[in-house]
Amino acid sequence: MVSAGLETGNEQMTKPYRLSWSDMGEFRRDQIGKVLELTQQLGRVAHISALGIPIYFISEPEMIREILVRHANDLHKDRFTKHMFKRWLGESILTTEGTKWQRQRKLIQPIFHAVHIHDFAAVFADRAKEMCDRWRVGDTYELGREMMELTLRIICRTMFSEDIDGLIDKMDEYLKVISKEAQFQLNYPFTVPNWVPLPTYRRQDRAVDGIHKLLLAIIHKRQARIQNGEEVPSDLLTMLLTSKYEDGQMMSDKQVLDECMVVFFAGHETTAVGLTWTWATLLQHPDVLEKLTKEIDEVIGDQAVHYEDLAKMPYLSQVIKEALRLHPPVAAVARAVTNSFDINGYHFKPKDTIAIHINTLHQQEEFYPEPHRFDPDRFAPDQEQPDRYTYMPFGAGSRICVGNAFAMLEMQIVLATMIQSLRLSLAPGQEFVPQQLITLRPRDGVKVKVGAKR
């Protein structure tokens, strides 16, 4: 597959395909479908121009590897992403660049090491079981909303332990406003400066201020306990407050606050969306669900899921990996070029935008035969596993999601607990169309009915 114009020489590579007004309308209505269409038309390196802005949609694994590894220092987060996320995530690991980001990453990465997150497995199982016990036979639930509430409760417990009791509902209210306004802002064709008094900015700022006050009160309370030598929980907050940079310094209160906001946002929304897609797909494939249920019954029966059980349930991991291939919650990552560089005859220059389209990458027939078919056996232990640049639901390169192991563990335990506890079916008449918002969600949600409890 080649890009338009490549046949006649490198001099034409700089001529992008100019999106018409019709193209841009289609892009706004169905970003996922339009990028797939442009890739089929122009190739895995689709060079376009939208309102004079040069953009490359890239779904070529070798090109992605070169960009994210060799040229990581020639890229920053794209302007729109930084503009939107900095409003509520501040100077966090998700928004900073260069040496500041490297310093933060080096400090935070060990916190999400497997040896730490294993301790949270019981929290994942307990919260999932509480939700299952609350659900009533015969009732219908909007799965996306329920998964958002569940993963928020999990992240609150793993981050703040007992300090968060009584505040979860208020935090949920603030986070919903922040997310709703961010999705509204995504529809803007250009960035509007933060100083412009837009109503959406004011609503979002009030929610951000509200959640900041709640979090700072918790942070200061925990700091006082640590300084007084009191026993404190071994949760994410304690790890953030006691971690030290190489020079022995600790994070400022503001830095801890910003990182807490990242964990809140990235730590519950993407996992909730991944679980929602997994269930929507499983319930359309009863043979896969039956096989997975049998595995879970044989390994754990009616006992709570423990971390040690997961190695005995390989099909559970395969199902989730395949669901994330079909519908990666983060469907694309965008970067702005800061320094010129060349790859395979392509010249990338400052102000170019590179959009690595993970969803399109995962749909390539060359890497995944019958790519639209749900086939967990693609990830079976006896199969050759996909290259990290052909399968990247958590990103790739130096900025791969720092919490990927945490999210995968959470999804495995929650899904196993739900299958162990409930018999679900899809409400009739649903069509699951992907919609690109902050995350890739089913456009009209997923409604499930509780047929029985096990």
Protein backbone atom coordinates (compact mmCIF):
# COMPACT_ATOMS: atom_id res chain seq x y z
CA MET A 1 0.00 0.00 0.00
CA VAL A 2 1.46 3.38 -0.98
CA SER A 3 0.54 6.98 -0.48
CA ALA A 4 -0.86 9.08 -3.30
CA GLY A 5 1.86 10.53 -5.52
CA LEU A 6 4.68 8.20 -4.48
CA GLU A 7 4.91 6.53 -7.87
CA THR A 8 6.31 9.64 -9.57
CA GLY A 9 9.09 10.43 -7.14
CA ASN A 10 9.92 11.94 -3.80
CA GLU A 11 9.19 15.47 -4.92
CA GLN A 12 5.47 14.71 -4.76
CA MET A 13 5.53 13.37 -1.25
CA THR A 14 5.10 16.90 0.10
CA LYS A 15 1.79 17.34 -1.69
CA PRO A 16 -0.91 16.33 0.76
CA TYR A 17 -4.41 15.21 -0.06
CA ARG A 18 -6.55 18.26 0.71
CA LEU A 19 -9.70 17.47 2.63
CA SER A 20 -12.79 18.99 1.09
CA TRP A 21 -15.57 20.49 3.20
CA SER A 22 -17.45 17.25 2.59
CA ASP A 23 -14.47 15.22 3.83
CA MET A 24 -14.19 17.34 6.96
CA GLY A 25 -17.90 16.94 7.64
CA GLU A 26 -17.53 13.17 7.37
CA PHE A 27 -14.49 13.31 9.64
CA ARG A 28 -16.42 15.19 12.34
CA ARG A 29 -19.34 12.73 12.13
CA ASP A 30 -17.25 9.54 12.00
CA GLN A 31 -13.56 10.05 12.69
CA ILE A 32 -12.83 6.31 12.97
CA GLY A 33 -14.49 5.45 9.67
CA LYS A 34 -12.99 8.42 7.82
CA VAL A 35 -9.42 7.62 8.87
CA LEU A 36 -9.92 4.00 7.75
CA GLU A 37 -11.21 5.28 4.41
CA LEU A 38 -8.28 7.68 3.97
CA THR A 39 -5.83 4.89 4.83
CA GLN A 40 -7.39 2.61 2.22
CA GLN A 41 -7.20 5.46 -0.31
CA LEU A 42 -3.78 6.93 0.50
CA GLY A 43 -1.90 4.17 2.30
CA ARG A 44 -0.61 3.57 5.80
CA VAL A 45 1.12 6.93 5.70
CA ALA A 46 -1.79 9.16 4.74
CA HIS A 47 -0.62 12.75 4.26
CA ILE A 48 -3.53 15.19 4.32
CA SER A 49 -4.21 18.88 4.74
CA ALA A 50 -7.19 20.14 6.73
CA LEU A 51 -7.76 23.91 6.61
CA GLY A 52 -4.10 24.28 5.66
CA ILE A 53 -2.89 22.18 8.61
CA PRO A 54 -0.60 19.32 7.50
CA ILE A 55 -1.46 15.99 9.18
CA TYR A 56 -0.06 12.49 8.74
CA PHE A 57 -2.30 9.57 9.69
CA ILE A 58 0.14 6.73 10.26
CA SER A 59 -0.64 3.03 10.73
CA GLU A 60 2.61 1.55 9.37
CA PRO A 61 4.39 -0.39 12.18
CA GLU A 62 7.98 0.27 11.05
CA MET A 63 7.23 3.96 10.62
CA ILE A 64 5.63 4.06 14.09
CA ARG A 65 8.69 2.41 15.59
CA GLU A 66 11.02 4.96 14.00
CA ILE A 67 8.86 7.88 15.09
CA LEU A 68 8.32 6.81 18.70
CA VAL A 69 11.81 5.44 19.36
CA ARG A 70 14.41 7.15 17.17
CA HIS A 71 12.64 10.50 16.94
CA ALA A 72 10.90 10.73 20.32
CA ASN A 73 12.94 13.85 21.14
CA ASP A 74 11.77 15.53 17.92
CA LEU A 75 8.13 15.39 19.00
CA HIS A 76 5.83 16.96 21.57
CA LYS A 77 2.22 16.29 22.39
CA ASP A 78 0.13 18.04 19.76
CA ARG A 79 -1.05 21.55 20.56
CA PHE A 80 -4.73 20.71 20.89
CA THR A 81 -4.14 17.78 23.27
CA LYS A 82 -1.83 19.82 25.47
CA HIS A 83 -4.22 22.77 25.45
CA MET A 84 -7.21 20.67 26.49
CA PHE A 85 -5.59 18.36 29.05
CA LYS A 86 -3.43 20.98 30.76
CA ARG A 87 -6.61 22.74 31.82
CA TRP A 88 -7.26 19.97 34.34
CA LEU A 89 -4.14 17.78 34.47
CA GLY A 90 -1.63 20.60 34.98
CA GLU A 91 2.10 19.85 34.71
CA SER A 92 1.65 16.11 34.99
CA ILE A 93 3.32 13.10 33.43
CA LEU A 94 0.64 13.19 30.72
CA THR A 95 1.23 16.79 29.62
CA THR A 96 4.88 17.68 30.25
CA GLU A 97 7.79 17.28 27.83
CA GLY A 98 11.56 16.92 27.77
CA THR A 99 13.65 16.67 30.90
CA LYS A 100 10.73 17.50 33.20
CA TRP A 101 8.73 14.60 31.80
CA GLN A 102 11.74 12.27 32.02
CA ARG A 103 12.19 13.20 35.69
CA GLN A 104 8.54 12.55 36.46
CA ARG A 105 8.43 9.30 34.52
CA LYS A 106 11.50 7.96 36.33
CA LEU A 107 9.89 8.76 39.68
CA ILE A 108 6.42 7.41 38.94
CA GLN A 109 7.19 4.31 36.87
CA PRO A 110 8.27 2.16 39.88
CA ILE A 111 5.00 2.94 41.68
CA PHE A 112 3.15 0.92 39.04
CA HIS A 113 5.62 -1.95 39.10
CA ALA A 114 4.04 -5.39 39.31
CA VAL A 115 5.29 -5.95 42.84
CA HIS A 116 3.13 -3.03 44.01
CA ILE A 117 -0.02 -3.49 41.97
CA HIS A 118 -0.40 -7.15 42.94
CA ASP A 119 -1.47 -5.89 46.37
CA PHE A 120 -4.51 -4.21 44.80
CA ALA A 121 -5.99 -7.40 43.33
CA ALA A 122 -8.24 -7.94 46.36
CA VAL A 123 -9.62 -4.40 45.98
CA PHE A 124 -10.50 -5.08 42.32
CA ALA A 125 -12.31 -8.29 43.26
CA ASP A 126 -14.13 -6.85 46.29
CA ARG A 127 -15.46 -3.79 44.47
CA ALA A 128 -16.58 -5.87 41.47
CA LYS A 129 -18.39 -8.32 43.77
CA GLU A 130 -20.12 -5.44 45.57
CA MET A 131 -21.46 -4.19 42.24
CA CYS A 132 -22.62 -7.66 41.21
CA ASP A 133 -24.41 -8.12 44.54
CA ARG A 134 -26.20 -4.80 44.01
CA TRP A 135 -27.50 -5.70 40.55
CA ARG A 136 -30.97 -7.28 40.52
CA VAL A 137 -32.22 -10.14 38.36
CA GLY A 138 -34.49 -8.89 35.58
CA ASP A 139 -33.14 -5.32 35.62
CA THR A 140 -31.37 -3.66 32.70
CA TYR A 141 -28.21 -1.59 33.21
CA GLU A 142 -26.27 0.83 31.01
CA LEU A 143 -22.94 -0.91 31.15
CA GLY A 144 -20.72 2.07 30.34
CA ARG A 145 -22.13 4.08 33.24
CA GLU A 146 -21.82 1.14 35.63
CA MET A 147 -18.24 0.41 34.60
CA MET A 148 -17.33 4.08 35.05
CA GLU A 149 -18.73 4.05 38.58
CA LEU A 150 -17.01 0.76 39.40
CA THR A 151 -13.57 1.79 38.12
CA LEU A 152 -13.85 5.15 39.89
CA ARG A 153 -14.55 3.38 43.17
CA ILE A 154 -11.59 1.09 42.52
CA ILE A 155 -9.21 3.94 41.75
CA CYS A 156 -10.39 5.87 44.82
CA ARG A 157 -9.76 2.88 47.05
CA THR A 158 -6.36 1.99 45.57
CA MET A 159 -5.21 5.61 45.68
CA PHE A 160 -6.67 6.90 48.96
CA SER A 161 -7.80 3.87 51.00
CA GLU A 162 -10.06 4.84 53.89
CA ASP A 163 -9.46 8.59 53.42
CA ILE A 164 -11.84 8.71 50.46
CA ASP A 165 -14.97 7.29 52.11
CA GLY A 166 -17.94 9.62 51.70
CA LEU A 167 -16.35 11.69 48.92
CA ILE A 168 -16.64 9.36 45.92
CA ASP A 169 -20.05 10.62 44.78
CA LYS A 170 -18.85 14.24 44.84
CA MET A 171 -15.70 13.35 42.92
CA ASP A 172 -17.79 11.45 40.38
CA GLU A 173 -19.95 14.56 39.89
CA TYR A 174 -16.90 16.76 39.26
CA LEU A 175 -15.25 14.24 36.91
CA LYS A 176 -18.42 13.93 34.83
CA VAL A 177 -18.51 17.71 34.32
CA ILE A 178 -14.81 17.81 33.36
CA SER A 179 -15.22 14.95 30.88
CA LYS A 180 -18.48 16.30 29.42
CA GLU A 181 -16.98 19.75 28.79
CA ALA A 182 -13.79 18.24 27.32
CA GLN A 183 -15.86 16.22 24.86
CA PHE A 184 -17.75 19.39 23.92
CA GLN A 185 -14.45 21.21 23.36
CA LEU A 186 -13.26 18.41 21.05
CA ASN A 187 -15.82 19.64 18.51
CA TYR A 188 -14.06 22.98 18.12
CA PRO A 189 -12.24 23.20 14.77
CA PHE A 190 -9.41 25.20 16.41
CA THR A 191 -8.02 25.88 19.88
CA VAL A 192 -9.53 28.77 21.82
CA PRO A 193 -7.15 30.41 24.35
CA ASN A 194 -7.83 29.62 27.99
CA TRP A 195 -8.28 33.29 28.85
CA VAL A 196 -11.38 33.53 26.63
CA PRO A 197 -14.34 33.38 29.06
CA LEU A 198 -16.19 30.57 27.29
CA PRO A 199 -19.05 29.07 29.34
CA THR A 200 -17.59 25.58 28.81
CA TYR A 201 -14.26 26.72 30.27
CA ARG A 202 -15.97 28.27 33.29
CA ARG A 203 -18.00 25.13 34.00
CA GLN A 204 -14.92 22.97 33.68
CA ASP A 205 -12.80 25.28 35.83
CA ARG A 206 -15.37 25.19 38.64
CA ALA A 207 -15.33 21.38 38.58
CA VAL A 208 -11.52 21.29 38.52
CA ASP A 209 -11.38 23.70 41.48
CA GLY A 210 -13.85 21.53 43.36
CA ILE A 211 -11.97 18.29 42.92
CA HIS A 212 -8.65 20.04 43.65
CA LYS A 213 -9.94 21.18 47.05
CA LEU A 214 -11.07 17.68 47.93
CA LEU A 215 -7.79 16.11 46.84
CA LEU A 216 -5.58 18.68 48.55
CA ALA A 217 -7.40 18.12 51.85
CA ILE A 218 -6.70 14.38 51.55
CA ILE A 219 -3.07 15.00 50.53
CA HIS A 220 -2.41 17.34 53.47
CA LYS A 221 -4.05 14.95 55.93
CA ARG A 222 -1.88 12.07 54.72
CA GLN A 223 1.27 14.23 54.78
CA ALA A 224 0.62 15.12 58.42
CA ARG A 225 0.23 11.46 59.35
CA ILE A 226 3.48 10.56 57.59
CA GLN A 227 5.35 13.41 59.27
CA ASN A 228 3.99 12.38 62.68
CA GLY A 229 5.27 8.87 62.16
CA GLU A 230 1.79 7.36 62.16
CA GLU A 231 0.99 4.14 60.33
CA VAL A 232 -0.46 4.89 56.88
CA PRO A 233 -1.92 2.69 54.14
CA SER A 234 0.38 1.37 51.41
CA ASP A 235 -1.70 2.92 48.66
CA LEU A 236 -0.86 5.02 45.60
CA LEU A 237 -1.04 8.30 47.52
CA THR A 238 1.47 7.15 50.11
CA MET A 239 3.78 5.99 47.31
CA LEU A 240 3.52 9.38 45.59
CA LEU A 241 4.17 11.27 48.82
CA THR A 242 7.18 9.19 49.85
CA SER A 243 8.89 8.75 46.46
CA LYS A 244 12.06 10.76 45.91
CA TYR A 245 13.86 12.11 42.87
CA GLU A 246 17.48 11.16 42.32
CA ASP A 247 18.60 14.29 44.17
CA GLY A 248 16.59 13.29 47.24
CA GLN A 249 13.83 15.84 46.75
CA MET A 250 10.15 14.96 46.91
CA MET A 251 7.27 16.16 44.77
CA SER A 252 5.60 19.44 45.65
CA ASP A 253 1.95 19.43 46.73
CA LYS A 254 0.97 20.79 43.31
CA GLN A 255 2.90 18.06 41.51
CA VAL A 256 1.30 15.35 43.65
CA LEU A 257 -2.09 16.91 42.93
CA ASP A 258 -1.48 16.91 39.16
CA GLU A 259 -0.37 13.27 39.19
CA CYS A 260 -3.42 12.33 41.27
CA MET A 261 -5.61 13.93 38.59
CA VAL A 262 -3.92 11.84 35.90
CA VAL A 263 -4.51 8.65 37.86
CA PHE A 264 -8.16 9.62 38.34
CA PHE A 265 -8.74 10.36 34.67
CA ALA A 266 -6.57 7.76 32.93
CA GLY A 267 -6.99 5.21 35.70
CA HIS A 268 -10.74 4.82 35.47
CA GLU A 269 -12.13 6.04 32.14
CA THR A 270 -9.99 3.97 29.78
CA THR A 271 -10.41 0.81 31.88
CA ALA A 272 -14.18 1.32 32.05
CA VAL A 273 -14.40 1.74 28.28
CA GLY A 274 -12.25 -1.35 27.73
CA LEU A 275 -14.52 -3.43 29.98
CA THR A 276 -17.62 -2.08 28.23
CA TRP A 277 -16.33 -3.10 24.80
CA THR A 278 -15.21 -6.49 26.11
CA TRP A 279 -18.70 -7.28 27.40
CA ALA A 280 -20.42 -5.93 24.28
CA THR A 281 -18.24 -8.21 22.16
CA LEU A 282 -18.45 -11.25 24.42
CA LEU A 283 -22.24 -11.18 24.57
CA GLN A 284 -22.34 -11.28 20.76
CA HIS A 285 -20.13 -14.39 20.78
CA PRO A 286 -21.74 -16.93 23.14
CA ASP A 287 -19.25 -19.65 22.18
CA VAL A 288 -16.36 -17.51 23.43
CA LEU A 289 -18.26 -16.57 26.59
CA GLU A 290 -19.05 -20.23 27.27
CA LYS A 291 -15.40 -21.24 26.87
CA LEU A 292 -14.27 -18.40 29.15
CA THR A 293 -16.93 -19.23 31.76
CA LYS A 294 -15.78 -22.84 31.80
CA GLU A 295 -12.16 -21.79 32.37
CA ILE A 296 -13.14 -19.52 35.26
CA ASP A 297 -15.37 -22.19 36.86
CA GLU A 298 -12.63 -24.81 36.65
CA VAL A 299 -9.94 -22.59 38.14
CA ILE A 300 -11.72 -20.65 40.89
CA GLY A 301 -15.27 -21.96 41.14
CA ASP A 302 -17.17 -19.68 43.52
CA GLN A 303 -14.06 -18.42 45.32
CA ALA A 304 -12.80 -14.84 45.03
CA VAL A 305 -10.32 -14.20 42.22
CA HIS A 306 -6.73 -13.84 43.41
CA TYR A 307 -3.70 -12.60 41.53
CA GLU A 308 -2.16 -16.08 41.55
CA ASP A 309 -5.22 -17.48 39.74
CA LEU A 310 -4.67 -15.41 36.62
CA ALA A 311 -1.74 -17.46 35.33
CA LYS A 312 -4.07 -20.49 35.30
CA MET A 313 -6.65 -18.64 33.15
CA PRO A 314 -4.85 -17.75 29.90
CA TYR A 315 -8.07 -17.50 27.90
CA LEU A 316 -9.22 -14.63 30.14
CA SER A 317 -6.20 -12.59 29.07
CA GLN A 318 -6.69 -13.60 25.42
CA VAL A 319 -10.30 -12.38 25.41
CA ILE A 320 -9.39 -8.99 26.83
CA LYS A 321 -6.42 -8.53 24.49
CA GLU A 322 -8.57 -9.32 21.46
CA ALA A 323 -11.34 -6.96 22.64
CA LEU A 324 -8.74 -4.20 23.02
CA ARG A 325 -7.47 -4.94 19.54
CA LEU A 326 -10.92 -4.51 18.02
CA HIS A 327 -11.76 -1.41 20.07
CA PRO A 328 -8.73 0.24 21.71
CA PRO A 329 -10.08 2.82 24.21
CA VAL A 330 -7.34 5.24 23.09
CA ALA A 331 -7.80 4.98 19.35
CA ALA A 332 -5.03 7.39 18.33
CA VAL A 333 -2.17 9.42 19.74
CA ALA A 334 -1.09 12.71 18.19
CA ARG A 335 2.29 14.38 18.20
CA ALA A 336 3.55 17.74 16.94
CA VAL A 337 6.90 17.78 15.14
CA THR A 338 9.38 20.14 16.83
CA ASN A 339 12.56 19.27 14.86
CA SER A 340 12.76 18.20 11.23
CA PHE A 341 13.57 14.57 10.45
CA ASP A 342 13.29 12.09 7.57
CA ILE A 343 12.03 8.51 7.49
CA ASN A 344 11.86 6.37 4.35
CA GLY A 345 11.70 9.38 2.04
CA TYR A 346 9.15 11.29 4.11
CA HIS A 347 10.22 14.68 5.41
CA PHE A 348 8.57 15.74 8.66
CA LYS A 349 8.98 19.39 9.60
CA PRO A 350 8.03 21.60 12.54
CA LYS A 351 4.29 22.24 12.90
CA ASP A 352 3.41 19.00 11.11
CA THR A 353 1.01 16.86 13.12
CA ILE A 354 1.53 13.11 13.27
CA ALA A 355 -1.48 11.03 14.31
CA ILE A 356 -0.61 7.41 15.03
CA HIS A 357 -3.93 5.69 14.48
CA ILE A 358 -4.01 2.63 16.70
CA ASN A 359 -7.52 1.58 15.70
CA THR A 360 -6.57 1.55 12.01
CA LEU A 361 -3.32 -0.29 12.76
CA HIS A 362 -5.30 -3.02 14.54
CA GLN A 363 -7.54 -3.49 11.49
CA GLN A 364 -4.77 -4.36 9.02
CA GLU A 365 -5.34 -7.66 7.20
CA GLU A 366 -1.59 -8.24 6.87
CA PHE A 367 -1.15 -8.43 10.63
CA TYR A 368 -4.56 -9.79 11.61
CA PRO A 369 -6.25 -12.10 9.05
CA GLU A 370 -10.00 -11.43 9.00
CA PRO A 371 -9.35 -8.39 11.16
CA HIS A 372 -13.01 -7.69 12.01
CA ARG A 373 -13.52 -11.18 13.44
CA PHE A 374 -13.40 -11.58 17.23
CA ASP A 375 -10.84 -14.34 17.71
CA PRO A 376 -9.13 -14.55 21.14
CA ASP A 377 -7.02 -17.45 19.86
CA ARG A 378 -4.88 -14.88 18.06
CA PHE A 379 -3.28 -14.34 21.48
CA ALA A 380 -3.03 -18.01 22.51
CA PRO A 381 0.32 -18.97 24.09
CA ASP A 382 1.17 -21.30 21.17
CA GLN A 383 0.65 -18.51 18.61
CA GLU A 384 3.24 -15.97 17.53
CA GLN A 385 2.43 -12.83 19.49
CA PRO A 386 1.96 -9.51 17.68
CA ASP A 387 4.87 -7.12 17.46
CA ARG A 388 4.62 -4.25 19.94
CA TYR A 389 4.19 -1.85 17.01
CA THR A 390 1.33 -3.80 15.45
CA TYR A 391 -0.55 -4.14 18.75
CA MET A 392 -0.48 -1.09 20.98
CA PRO A 393 -3.71 -0.55 22.98
CA PHE A 394 -1.61 1.17 25.67
CA GLY A 395 0.60 3.06 23.25
CA ALA A 396 4.26 2.28 22.63
CA GLY A 397 7.71 3.78 22.90
CA SER A 398 8.97 5.80 25.84
CA ARG A 399 5.52 7.27 26.56
CA ILE A 400 3.69 3.96 26.76
CA CYS A 401 0.96 4.11 29.41
CA VAL A 402 2.63 3.95 32.82
CA GLY A 403 -0.40 2.15 34.27
CA ASN A 404 -0.84 -0.53 31.60
CA ALA A 405 -0.13 -3.46 33.94
CA PHE A 406 -2.51 -1.97 36.54
CA ALA A 407 -5.28 -1.63 33.94
CA MET A 408 -4.81 -5.13 32.54
CA LEU A 409 -4.87 -6.69 36.00
CA GLU A 410 -7.99 -4.74 36.90
CA MET A 411 -9.81 -5.76 33.73
CA GLN A 412 -8.98 -9.44 34.23
CA ILE A 413 -10.19 -9.55 37.82
CA VAL A 414 -13.33 -7.49 37.22
CA LEU A 415 -14.35 -9.52 34.17
CA ALA A 416 -13.73 -12.84 35.93
CA THR A 417 -15.71 -11.71 38.98
CA MET A 418 -18.65 -10.58 36.86
CA ILE A 419 -18.75 -13.82 34.85
CA GLN A 420 -18.51 -15.77 38.10
CA SER A 421 -21.45 -13.85 39.61
CA LEU A 422 -23.90 -12.98 36.84
CA ARG A 423 -25.63 -14.21 33.73
CA LEU A 424 -25.95 -11.24 31.36
CA SER A 425 -27.56 -10.73 27.97
CA LEU A 426 -27.77 -7.78 25.61
CA ALA A 427 -30.96 -5.76 25.49
CA PRO A 428 -32.45 -6.23 21.99
CA GLY A 429 -32.16 -3.77 19.13
CA GLN A 430 -28.68 -2.41 19.85
CA GLU A 431 -25.99 -1.50 17.33
CA PHE A 432 -22.51 -0.83 18.67
CA VAL A 433 -20.99 1.95 16.57
CA PRO A 434 -17.59 3.27 17.73
CA GLN A 435 -17.56 6.99 18.48
CA GLN A 436 -14.30 8.86 19.01
CA LEU A 437 -14.66 11.17 21.99
CA ILE A 438 -11.87 11.45 24.57
CA THR A 439 -11.95 7.67 24.41
CA LEU A 440 -13.41 5.32 21.80
CA ARG A 441 -16.88 4.49 23.12
CA PRO A 442 -19.99 2.72 21.80
CA ARG A 443 -22.01 5.66 20.46
CA ASP A 444 -25.32 4.76 22.14
CA GLY A 445 -23.91 2.83 25.08
CA VAL A 446 -24.37 -0.86 25.92
CA LYS A 447 -27.48 -2.05 27.75
CA VAL A 448 -27.34 -5.43 29.48
CA LYS A 449 -30.02 -7.42 31.30
CA VAL A 450 -29.33 -9.58 34.36
CA GLY A 451 -30.82 -12.97 33.56
CA ALA A 452 -29.70 -14.73 36.70
CA LYS A 453 -27.18 -14.72 39.51
CA ARG A 454 -24.82 -17.62 39.91
